[in-house]
């Protein structure tokens, strides 16, 4: 988890919001180093003033779901969801559809 936090902190220091932090986007190489993957939805935090909803619904921060302006904190929310999943073996939200999840 420490390596993941450092990777996210590095992204944020470079002005990058990942916007899709989830277990599926974390890999470990042969040397045991954690790699953060899939920057296809990432955005420059300095110019991210839009209200674009993107990412994996179960990991999305409330402000993103609501269409409010957001910043690097959405990655911290997603990291918390991922940590919960890692520790418990299931996601903190169990709604079956996106409509139920966003309600």
Protein backbone atom coordinates (compact mmCIF):
# COMPACT_ATOMS: atom_id res chain seq x y z
CA UNK A 1 0.00 0.00 0.00
CA UNK A 2 2.91 2.32 0.72
CA UNK A 3 4.17 1.99 -2.86
CA UNK A 4 0.70 2.71 -4.24
CA UNK A 5 0.40 5.82 -2.08
CA UNK A 6 3.82 7.00 -3.24
CA UNK A 7 2.86 6.41 -6.89
CA UNK A 8 -0.32 8.44 -6.48
CA UNK A 9 1.55 11.18 -4.60
CA UNK A 10 4.07 11.32 -7.45
CA UNK A 11 1.27 11.68 -10.00
CA UNK A 12 -0.33 14.45 -7.98
CA UNK A 13 3.03 16.23 -7.58
CA UNK A 14 3.29 16.19 -11.39
CA UNK A 15 -0.21 17.65 -11.68
CA UNK A 16 -1.90 14.42 -12.79
CA UNK A 17 -5.24 13.10 -11.54
CA UNK A 18 -5.45 9.38 -12.38
CA UNK A 19 -9.29 9.15 -12.09
CA UNK A 20 -9.45 5.35 -12.27
CA UNK A 21 -7.59 3.98 -9.24
CA UNK A 22 -8.73 0.40 -8.65
CA UNK A 23 -7.20 -2.99 -7.92
CA UNK A 24 -7.25 -3.91 -11.61
CA UNK A 25 -4.93 -0.97 -12.38
CA UNK A 26 -2.24 -2.02 -9.90
CA UNK A 27 0.40 -4.57 -10.90
CA UNK A 28 3.46 -5.98 -9.16
CA UNK A 29 6.58 -6.73 -11.20
CA UNK A 30 9.08 -9.57 -10.69
CA UNK A 31 11.07 -7.46 -8.22
CA UNK A 32 8.00 -6.81 -6.05
CA UNK A 33 7.61 -3.21 -7.19
CA UNK A 34 4.09 -1.88 -7.46
CA UNK A 35 3.13 -0.23 -10.75
CA UNK A 36 0.17 2.07 -11.28
CA UNK A 37 -1.34 1.40 -14.72
CA UNK A 38 -3.92 2.72 -17.18
CA UNK A 39 -3.60 6.46 -17.43
CA UNK A 40 -6.19 6.59 -20.21
CA UNK A 41 -8.60 8.65 -18.07
CA UNK A 42 -5.95 10.77 -16.35
CA UNK A 43 -6.13 14.55 -16.52
CA UNK A 44 -3.89 17.49 -15.77
CA UNK A 45 -5.11 18.72 -12.39
CA UNK A 46 -4.14 22.30 -13.21
CA UNK A 47 -6.70 22.46 -16.02
CA UNK A 48 -9.26 19.94 -14.75
CA UNK A 49 -12.16 22.27 -14.10
CA UNK A 50 -14.69 20.16 -15.92
CA UNK A 51 -17.26 17.99 -14.26
CA UNK A 52 -16.65 14.91 -16.40
CA UNK A 53 -17.84 11.68 -14.84
CA UNK A 54 -15.36 8.94 -15.63
CA UNK A 55 -13.76 5.89 -14.09
CA UNK A 56 -15.17 2.77 -12.50
CA UNK A 57 -18.47 3.55 -10.71
CA UNK A 58 -17.77 1.58 -7.51
CA UNK A 59 -14.55 3.57 -6.99
CA UNK A 60 -15.86 7.05 -7.90
CA UNK A 61 -15.80 9.85 -5.36
CA UNK A 62 -19.16 11.46 -4.51
CA UNK A 63 -18.24 14.81 -6.07
CA UNK A 64 -17.56 13.10 -9.38
CA UNK A 65 -20.84 11.15 -9.23
CA UNK A 66 -22.71 14.39 -8.49
CA UNK A 67 -21.04 16.17 -11.39
CA UNK A 68 -19.37 18.69 -9.08
CA UNK A 69 -15.90 20.13 -9.73
CA UNK A 70 -13.18 17.85 -8.38
CA UNK A 71 -9.44 17.60 -7.89
CA UNK A 72 -6.81 15.07 -6.80
CA UNK A 73 -8.96 14.07 -3.82
CA UNK A 74 -11.00 11.80 -6.10
CA UNK A 75 -7.92 9.56 -6.33
CA UNK A 76 -7.66 9.47 -2.53
CA UNK A 77 -11.31 8.35 -2.33
CA UNK A 78 -10.66 5.60 -4.89
CA UNK A 79 -7.57 4.53 -2.96
CA UNK A 80 -9.72 4.19 0.17
CA UNK A 81 -12.24 2.03 -1.68
CA UNK A 82 -9.38 -0.10 -3.02
CA UNK A 83 -7.91 -0.48 0.48
CA UNK A 84 -11.31 -1.53 1.81
CA UNK A 85 -11.58 -4.09 -1.00
CA UNK A 86 -8.07 -5.39 -0.31
CA UNK A 87 -8.72 -5.86 3.41
CA UNK A 88 -12.30 -7.15 3.30
CA UNK A 89 -12.44 -8.97 -0.03
CA UNK A 90 -15.50 -7.06 -1.18
CA UNK A 91 -16.40 -3.53 -2.22
CA UNK A 92 -17.99 -1.21 0.37
CA UNK A 93 -21.02 -0.63 -1.84
CA UNK A 94 -23.13 -3.57 -2.99
CA UNK A 95 -25.72 -1.99 -5.27
CA UNK A 96 -26.26 -4.05 -8.42
CA UNK A 97 -26.78 -1.29 -10.95
CA UNK A 98 -25.14 2.05 -11.61
CA UNK A 99 -28.51 3.75 -11.05
CA UNK A 100 -28.79 2.20 -7.57
CA UNK A 101 -25.15 3.05 -6.81
CA UNK A 102 -25.57 6.70 -7.79
CA UNK A 103 -28.91 7.13 -5.95
